[in-house]
N, C-alpha and C. Protein backbone atom coordinates (compact mmCIF):
# COMPACT_ATOMS: atom_id res chain seq x y z
N MET A 1 36.78 46.70 1.30
CA MET A 1 35.80 45.67 1.57
C MET A 1 36.25 44.77 2.72
N ARG A 2 37.57 44.56 2.79
CA ARG A 2 38.08 43.75 3.90
C ARG A 2 37.84 44.43 5.24
N GLY A 3 37.86 45.74 5.24
CA GLY A 3 37.56 46.48 6.47
C GLY A 3 36.14 46.24 6.93
N PHE A 4 35.18 46.24 5.98
CA PHE A 4 33.78 45.97 6.32
C PHE A 4 33.62 44.55 6.85
N ALA A 5 34.33 43.61 6.24
CA ALA A 5 34.25 42.22 6.69
C ALA A 5 34.81 42.08 8.10
N ALA A 6 35.93 42.75 8.36
CA ALA A 6 36.53 42.69 9.70
C ALA A 6 35.60 43.30 10.74
N VAL A 7 34.95 44.41 10.39
CA VAL A 7 34.02 45.05 11.32
C VAL A 7 32.80 44.15 11.56
N ALA A 8 32.31 43.50 10.51
CA ALA A 8 31.15 42.61 10.66
C ALA A 8 31.48 41.44 11.59
N THR A 9 32.64 40.82 11.40
CA THR A 9 32.98 39.68 12.25
C THR A 9 33.29 40.11 13.69
N LEU A 10 33.91 41.27 13.84
CA LEU A 10 34.17 41.80 15.18
C LEU A 10 32.86 42.12 15.90
N THR A 11 31.92 42.71 15.17
CA THR A 11 30.62 43.04 15.75
C THR A 11 29.85 41.77 16.14
N ALA A 12 29.90 40.76 15.27
CA ALA A 12 29.20 39.51 15.58
C ALA A 12 29.73 38.87 16.84
N ALA A 13 31.05 38.83 16.99
CA ALA A 13 31.63 38.24 18.20
C ALA A 13 31.29 39.07 19.44
N SER A 14 31.29 40.38 19.30
CA SER A 14 30.99 41.25 20.44
C SER A 14 29.53 41.12 20.88
N VAL A 15 28.63 41.01 19.91
CA VAL A 15 27.21 40.83 20.25
C VAL A 15 27.00 39.49 20.94
N MET A 16 27.71 38.46 20.47
CA MET A 16 27.59 37.15 21.11
C MET A 16 28.12 37.21 22.54
N LEU A 17 29.21 37.94 22.76
CA LEU A 17 29.76 38.06 24.12
C LEU A 17 28.80 38.77 25.07
N SER A 18 27.94 39.61 24.53
CA SER A 18 27.01 40.35 25.39
C SER A 18 25.69 39.61 25.62
N ALA A 19 25.58 38.39 25.13
CA ALA A 19 24.34 37.63 25.25
C ALA A 19 24.25 36.97 26.63
N HIS A 20 23.46 37.56 27.49
CA HIS A 20 23.16 36.97 28.79
C HIS A 20 21.90 37.62 29.33
N GLN A 21 21.17 36.85 30.11
CA GLN A 21 19.94 37.36 30.72
C GLN A 21 19.58 36.47 31.89
N THR A 22 18.99 37.06 32.90
CA THR A 22 18.56 36.31 34.08
C THR A 22 17.08 35.98 33.94
N ALA A 23 16.77 34.72 34.10
CA ALA A 23 15.37 34.27 34.06
C ALA A 23 14.92 33.98 35.48
N THR A 24 13.75 34.46 35.84
CA THR A 24 13.22 34.24 37.18
C THR A 24 12.08 33.23 37.11
N TYR A 25 12.22 32.20 37.91
CA TYR A 25 11.17 31.19 38.02
C TYR A 25 10.46 31.39 39.35
N THR A 26 9.62 30.49 39.74
CA THR A 26 8.80 30.66 40.94
C THR A 26 9.62 30.94 42.20
N ASP A 27 10.69 30.21 42.41
CA ASP A 27 11.45 30.40 43.64
C ASP A 27 12.94 30.63 43.42
N SER A 28 13.38 30.75 42.18
CA SER A 28 14.81 30.96 41.94
C SER A 28 15.02 31.73 40.64
N SER A 29 16.23 32.23 40.49
CA SER A 29 16.58 32.89 39.24
C SER A 29 17.80 32.19 38.64
N VAL A 30 17.85 32.15 37.32
CA VAL A 30 18.91 31.46 36.59
C VAL A 30 19.51 32.44 35.60
N LEU A 31 20.84 32.51 35.55
CA LEU A 31 21.52 33.34 34.58
C LEU A 31 21.82 32.50 33.36
N VAL A 32 21.25 32.89 32.22
CA VAL A 32 21.49 32.20 30.96
C VAL A 32 22.53 33.02 30.21
N THR A 33 23.62 32.36 29.79
CA THR A 33 24.70 33.07 29.13
C THR A 33 25.24 32.25 27.96
N PHE A 34 25.92 32.92 27.05
CA PHE A 34 26.48 32.26 25.88
C PHE A 34 27.54 31.23 26.28
N GLY A 35 28.20 31.43 27.39
CA GLY A 35 29.30 30.58 27.82
C GLY A 35 28.92 29.15 28.13
N ASP A 36 27.63 28.88 28.19
CA ASP A 36 27.18 27.53 28.50
C ASP A 36 27.27 26.58 27.29
N ILE A 37 27.43 27.13 26.11
CA ILE A 37 27.37 26.33 24.88
C ILE A 37 28.71 26.41 24.14
N PRO A 38 29.38 25.28 23.89
CA PRO A 38 30.68 25.31 23.20
C PRO A 38 30.63 25.87 21.78
N SER A 39 29.55 25.68 21.07
CA SER A 39 29.51 26.20 19.70
C SER A 39 29.49 27.72 19.69
N TYR A 40 29.01 28.35 20.75
CA TYR A 40 29.08 29.81 20.82
C TYR A 40 30.53 30.27 21.05
N TRP A 41 31.29 29.50 21.83
CA TRP A 41 32.70 29.83 22.01
C TRP A 41 33.45 29.69 20.70
N CYS A 42 33.13 28.66 19.94
CA CYS A 42 33.74 28.47 18.62
C CYS A 42 33.40 29.65 17.71
N PHE A 43 32.16 30.10 17.75
CA PHE A 43 31.71 31.24 16.96
C PHE A 43 32.52 32.49 17.33
N ILE A 44 32.67 32.74 18.61
CA ILE A 44 33.40 33.92 19.08
C ILE A 44 34.86 33.84 18.65
N PHE A 45 35.49 32.70 18.87
CA PHE A 45 36.90 32.54 18.52
C PHE A 45 37.11 32.72 17.02
N ALA A 46 36.28 32.07 16.21
CA ALA A 46 36.43 32.17 14.75
C ALA A 46 36.22 33.61 14.27
N ASN A 47 35.24 34.28 14.81
CA ASN A 47 34.98 35.65 14.38
C ASN A 47 36.09 36.61 14.78
N TYR A 48 36.62 36.46 16.00
CA TYR A 48 37.74 37.32 16.42
C TYR A 48 39.00 37.01 15.60
N LEU A 49 39.27 35.75 15.34
CA LEU A 49 40.43 35.37 14.55
C LEU A 49 40.35 35.96 13.15
N ILE A 50 39.20 35.82 12.52
CA ILE A 50 39.05 36.29 11.15
C ILE A 50 38.98 37.81 11.11
N SER A 51 38.49 38.43 12.14
CA SER A 51 38.50 39.89 12.20
C SER A 51 39.93 40.41 12.27
N ALA A 52 40.76 39.76 13.08
CA ALA A 52 42.18 40.16 13.17
C ALA A 52 42.89 39.92 11.84
N TYR A 53 42.62 38.80 11.20
CA TYR A 53 43.19 38.49 9.89
C TYR A 53 42.78 39.54 8.85
N GLY A 54 41.52 39.89 8.82
CA GLY A 54 41.05 40.90 7.87
C GLY A 54 41.64 42.27 8.13
N THR A 55 41.81 42.61 9.39
CA THR A 55 42.42 43.89 9.74
C THR A 55 43.88 43.94 9.30
N LEU A 56 44.61 42.84 9.49
CA LEU A 56 46.01 42.80 9.06
C LEU A 56 46.14 42.91 7.54
N LEU A 57 45.20 42.30 6.82
CA LEU A 57 45.28 42.34 5.36
C LEU A 57 44.97 43.73 4.79
N VAL A 58 44.28 44.55 5.55
CA VAL A 58 44.02 45.92 5.09
C VAL A 58 45.34 46.66 4.89
N PHE A 59 46.34 46.33 5.72
CA PHE A 59 47.63 47.02 5.67
C PHE A 59 48.66 46.32 4.78
N LEU A 60 48.31 45.21 4.14
CA LEU A 60 49.23 44.50 3.26
C LEU A 60 49.33 45.22 1.92
N PRO A 61 50.54 45.57 1.47
CA PRO A 61 50.68 46.27 0.19
C PRO A 61 50.18 45.43 -0.98
N ARG A 62 49.63 46.09 -1.98
CA ARG A 62 49.06 45.39 -3.14
C ARG A 62 50.10 44.63 -3.95
N LYS A 63 51.34 45.07 -3.94
CA LYS A 63 52.40 44.43 -4.74
C LYS A 63 53.08 43.29 -4.00
N SER A 64 52.67 43.00 -2.78
CA SER A 64 53.31 41.97 -1.98
C SER A 64 53.05 40.57 -2.57
N GLN A 65 54.06 39.71 -2.43
CA GLN A 65 53.92 38.32 -2.89
C GLN A 65 53.04 37.50 -1.95
N LEU A 66 52.73 38.04 -0.80
CA LEU A 66 51.88 37.33 0.16
C LEU A 66 50.43 37.20 -0.31
N TRP A 67 50.03 37.97 -1.31
CA TRP A 67 48.65 37.89 -1.80
C TRP A 67 48.34 36.53 -2.40
N GLN A 68 49.37 35.80 -2.87
CA GLN A 68 49.13 34.45 -3.36
C GLN A 68 48.75 33.52 -2.21
N LEU A 69 49.33 33.75 -1.04
CA LEU A 69 48.97 32.97 0.14
C LEU A 69 47.59 33.37 0.66
N VAL A 70 47.22 34.62 0.44
CA VAL A 70 45.92 35.11 0.92
C VAL A 70 44.77 34.34 0.29
N VAL A 71 44.91 33.95 -0.97
CA VAL A 71 43.84 33.19 -1.63
C VAL A 71 43.60 31.87 -0.90
N ALA A 72 44.67 31.18 -0.55
CA ALA A 72 44.53 29.90 0.17
C ALA A 72 43.97 30.13 1.57
N LEU A 73 44.48 31.12 2.27
CA LEU A 73 43.98 31.41 3.63
C LEU A 73 42.53 31.85 3.61
N ASP A 74 42.16 32.65 2.63
CA ASP A 74 40.76 33.09 2.53
C ASP A 74 39.83 31.90 2.39
N SER A 75 40.21 30.94 1.57
CA SER A 75 39.32 29.78 1.37
C SER A 75 39.17 28.97 2.66
N VAL A 76 40.25 28.80 3.40
CA VAL A 76 40.17 28.06 4.67
C VAL A 76 39.34 28.83 5.69
N LEU A 77 39.58 30.13 5.78
CA LEU A 77 38.88 30.93 6.78
C LEU A 77 37.40 31.12 6.47
N VAL A 78 37.04 31.13 5.20
CA VAL A 78 35.61 31.20 4.85
C VAL A 78 34.90 29.94 5.31
N VAL A 79 35.55 28.80 5.17
CA VAL A 79 34.96 27.55 5.63
C VAL A 79 34.83 27.54 7.16
N ILE A 80 35.87 27.98 7.86
CA ILE A 80 35.82 28.04 9.32
C ILE A 80 34.72 28.99 9.80
N LEU A 81 34.66 30.15 9.17
CA LEU A 81 33.66 31.14 9.57
C LEU A 81 32.24 30.65 9.30
N SER A 82 32.01 30.08 8.13
CA SER A 82 30.66 29.62 7.80
C SER A 82 30.25 28.44 8.68
N SER A 83 31.17 27.55 9.01
CA SER A 83 30.81 26.41 9.86
C SER A 83 30.53 26.85 11.30
N SER A 84 31.31 27.82 11.80
CA SER A 84 31.05 28.28 13.17
C SER A 84 29.74 29.05 13.24
N CYS A 85 29.43 29.83 12.20
CA CYS A 85 28.15 30.54 12.17
C CYS A 85 26.98 29.56 12.07
N SER A 86 27.14 28.53 11.29
CA SER A 86 26.08 27.54 11.14
C SER A 86 25.83 26.78 12.44
N ALA A 87 26.90 26.40 13.12
CA ALA A 87 26.75 25.68 14.39
C ALA A 87 26.07 26.56 15.43
N ALA A 88 26.48 27.82 15.51
CA ALA A 88 25.87 28.73 16.49
C ALA A 88 24.40 28.98 16.15
N LEU A 89 24.10 29.12 14.87
CA LEU A 89 22.70 29.34 14.47
C LEU A 89 21.84 28.13 14.78
N ALA A 90 22.37 26.94 14.56
CA ALA A 90 21.60 25.72 14.86
C ALA A 90 21.25 25.64 16.34
N VAL A 91 22.21 25.93 17.20
CA VAL A 91 21.94 25.90 18.64
C VAL A 91 20.97 27.02 19.02
N GLY A 92 21.14 28.19 18.42
CA GLY A 92 20.24 29.31 18.70
C GLY A 92 18.80 29.00 18.30
N ILE A 93 18.62 28.34 17.19
CA ILE A 93 17.26 27.98 16.74
C ILE A 93 16.66 26.93 17.68
N ILE A 94 17.48 26.00 18.13
CA ILE A 94 16.98 25.00 19.08
C ILE A 94 16.59 25.68 20.39
N GLU A 95 17.39 26.64 20.85
CA GLU A 95 17.03 27.36 22.07
C GLU A 95 15.76 28.17 21.89
N ARG A 96 15.58 28.72 20.71
CA ARG A 96 14.40 29.54 20.46
C ARG A 96 13.14 28.70 20.29
N ASN A 97 13.22 27.63 19.50
CA ASN A 97 12.03 26.84 19.17
C ASN A 97 11.86 25.59 20.01
N GLY A 98 12.96 25.08 20.58
CA GLY A 98 12.89 23.82 21.32
C GLY A 98 12.76 22.65 20.37
N ILE A 99 12.64 21.46 20.94
CA ILE A 99 12.41 20.25 20.16
C ILE A 99 11.22 19.55 20.79
N PRO A 100 10.02 19.80 20.26
CA PRO A 100 8.81 19.29 20.92
C PRO A 100 8.76 17.77 21.07
N HIS A 101 9.17 17.02 20.05
CA HIS A 101 9.06 15.56 20.16
C HIS A 101 10.11 14.98 21.12
N ALA A 102 11.12 15.72 21.48
CA ALA A 102 12.09 15.28 22.48
C ALA A 102 11.78 15.88 23.85
N ARG A 103 10.68 16.64 23.94
CA ARG A 103 10.25 17.31 25.16
C ARG A 103 11.29 18.31 25.68
N TRP A 104 12.00 18.92 24.74
CA TRP A 104 12.94 19.98 25.07
C TRP A 104 12.23 21.29 24.80
N GLU A 105 11.87 21.97 25.86
CA GLU A 105 11.08 23.18 25.75
C GLU A 105 11.93 24.37 25.28
N SER A 106 11.27 25.30 24.65
CA SER A 106 11.91 26.53 24.21
C SER A 106 12.21 27.42 25.42
N ILE A 107 13.35 28.12 25.36
CA ILE A 107 13.66 29.06 26.44
C ILE A 107 13.39 30.50 25.99
N TYR A 108 12.84 30.65 24.80
CA TYR A 108 12.65 31.99 24.23
C TYR A 108 11.72 32.85 25.08
N HIS A 109 10.67 32.30 25.62
CA HIS A 109 9.72 33.09 26.39
C HIS A 109 10.27 33.52 27.75
N GLN A 110 11.22 32.76 28.28
CA GLN A 110 11.81 33.14 29.56
C GLN A 110 12.94 34.16 29.40
N VAL A 111 13.69 34.07 28.28
CA VAL A 111 14.86 34.95 28.07
C VAL A 111 14.87 35.48 26.63
N PRO A 112 13.92 36.34 26.28
CA PRO A 112 13.84 36.81 24.88
C PRO A 112 15.02 37.69 24.46
N SER A 113 15.56 38.47 25.37
CA SER A 113 16.70 39.33 25.03
C SER A 113 17.93 38.49 24.69
N TYR A 114 18.14 37.44 25.45
CA TYR A 114 19.26 36.52 25.20
C TYR A 114 19.14 35.89 23.81
N CYS A 115 17.96 35.36 23.51
CA CYS A 115 17.76 34.71 22.21
C CYS A 115 17.89 35.71 21.06
N ALA A 116 17.41 36.92 21.26
CA ALA A 116 17.53 37.94 20.21
C ALA A 116 18.98 38.28 19.94
N ARG A 117 19.78 38.37 20.98
CA ARG A 117 21.21 38.68 20.79
C ARG A 117 21.93 37.53 20.09
N ILE A 118 21.59 36.31 20.45
CA ILE A 118 22.22 35.15 19.81
C ILE A 118 21.90 35.13 18.32
N LEU A 119 20.64 35.28 17.98
CA LEU A 119 20.25 35.24 16.57
C LEU A 119 20.77 36.46 15.81
N SER A 120 20.86 37.62 16.46
CA SER A 120 21.44 38.80 15.82
C SER A 120 22.93 38.59 15.54
N ALA A 121 23.63 38.02 16.49
CA ALA A 121 25.06 37.74 16.29
C ALA A 121 25.26 36.78 15.12
N CYS A 122 24.40 35.77 15.03
CA CYS A 122 24.51 34.83 13.91
C CYS A 122 24.22 35.52 12.58
N GLY A 123 23.22 36.39 12.56
CA GLY A 123 22.91 37.13 11.33
C GLY A 123 24.06 38.02 10.89
N ILE A 124 24.66 38.73 11.85
CA ILE A 124 25.81 39.59 11.53
C ILE A 124 26.99 38.73 11.09
N GLY A 125 27.15 37.57 11.71
CA GLY A 125 28.22 36.66 11.32
C GLY A 125 28.06 36.19 9.88
N PHE A 126 26.81 35.92 9.48
CA PHE A 126 26.58 35.49 8.09
C PHE A 126 26.82 36.63 7.10
N VAL A 127 26.63 37.87 7.52
CA VAL A 127 27.01 39.00 6.67
C VAL A 127 28.52 38.96 6.43
N GLY A 128 29.28 38.69 7.48
CA GLY A 128 30.72 38.53 7.34
C GLY A 128 31.09 37.38 6.42
N VAL A 129 30.36 36.27 6.51
CA VAL A 129 30.60 35.13 5.62
C VAL A 129 30.41 35.54 4.17
N VAL A 130 29.33 36.23 3.88
CA VAL A 130 29.05 36.65 2.50
C VAL A 130 30.14 37.59 1.98
N ILE A 131 30.56 38.54 2.82
CA ILE A 131 31.60 39.48 2.38
C ILE A 131 32.91 38.75 2.14
N TYR A 132 33.29 37.86 3.04
CA TYR A 132 34.53 37.11 2.84
C TYR A 132 34.44 36.17 1.64
N LEU A 133 33.27 35.62 1.38
CA LEU A 133 33.10 34.79 0.19
C LEU A 133 33.27 35.61 -1.08
N LEU A 134 32.72 36.82 -1.09
CA LEU A 134 32.92 37.70 -2.25
C LEU A 134 34.39 38.08 -2.39
N LEU A 135 35.05 38.34 -1.29
CA LEU A 135 36.49 38.64 -1.35
C LEU A 135 37.29 37.46 -1.88
N LEU A 136 36.91 36.26 -1.48
CA LEU A 136 37.58 35.06 -1.98
C LEU A 136 37.39 34.93 -3.49
N LEU A 137 36.17 35.14 -3.94
CA LEU A 137 35.91 35.06 -5.39
C LEU A 137 36.69 36.12 -6.16
N LEU A 138 36.77 37.32 -5.61
CA LEU A 138 37.55 38.37 -6.26
C LEU A 138 39.04 38.03 -6.28
N ALA A 139 39.54 37.49 -5.20
CA ALA A 139 40.96 37.12 -5.15
C ALA A 139 41.26 35.98 -6.12
N LEU A 140 40.36 35.01 -6.21
CA LEU A 140 40.54 33.92 -7.18
C LEU A 140 40.52 34.45 -8.61
N GLN A 141 39.61 35.34 -8.88
CA GLN A 141 39.52 35.91 -10.22
C GLN A 141 40.78 36.69 -10.57
N ALA A 142 41.29 37.46 -9.64
CA ALA A 142 42.51 38.23 -9.89
C ALA A 142 43.71 37.30 -10.07
N GLU A 143 43.80 36.26 -9.27
CA GLU A 143 44.93 35.33 -9.36
C GLU A 143 44.90 34.55 -10.67
N PHE A 144 43.71 34.07 -11.07
CA PHE A 144 43.63 33.33 -12.32
C PHE A 144 43.85 34.23 -13.54
N ASN A 145 43.41 35.46 -13.46
CA ASN A 145 43.67 36.39 -14.56
C ASN A 145 45.16 36.64 -14.71
N SER A 146 45.90 36.77 -13.61
CA SER A 146 47.34 37.00 -13.72
C SER A 146 48.03 35.77 -14.28
N ILE A 147 47.56 34.58 -13.96
CA ILE A 147 48.15 33.36 -14.51
C ILE A 147 47.87 33.28 -16.01
N LEU A 148 46.64 33.56 -16.41
CA LEU A 148 46.29 33.50 -17.83
C LEU A 148 47.02 34.55 -18.63
N ILE A 149 47.19 35.73 -18.09
CA ILE A 149 47.91 36.79 -18.80
C ILE A 149 49.36 36.43 -18.94
N ASP A 150 49.99 35.83 -17.92
CA ASP A 150 51.39 35.44 -17.99
C ASP A 150 51.60 34.34 -19.03
N ILE A 151 50.66 33.42 -19.17
CA ILE A 151 50.79 32.34 -20.14
C ILE A 151 50.70 32.88 -21.56
N THR A 152 49.80 33.79 -21.81
CA THR A 152 49.61 34.29 -23.18
C THR A 152 50.74 35.21 -23.62
N LEU A 153 51.49 35.80 -22.71
CA LEU A 153 52.61 36.67 -23.08
C LEU A 153 53.78 35.85 -23.37
């Protein structure tokens, strides 16, 4: 399951990196890219970091004492991953829909491929969040069961 989570976060970051499109206006063209927004950089960094972490844990032996540390790291990384995905999604929705009462127009009609990639990356990122959350719950359950079994013996 950790392998699927690592692939999901790696894919989300890669899709975000490929988000760019050129918009042509009456007399000029503008390149719209993910690099213009800091929350997208945070999204990419968090997803690559957690993908590397998940890949390393695939090779960690089951009997290792490091699994106790994994529970704490999983909880921190789930929070980092979910917050970076949420920030990127919020900016993506603003880019897609705009803010009419602030007179901030939507850019979706000028660069639909860019917006689709941004929202797809956020969706794939949230799949990674769900998988890592399930892994965290499983790790907590396993850790608490071992504590309860040790106490009763």
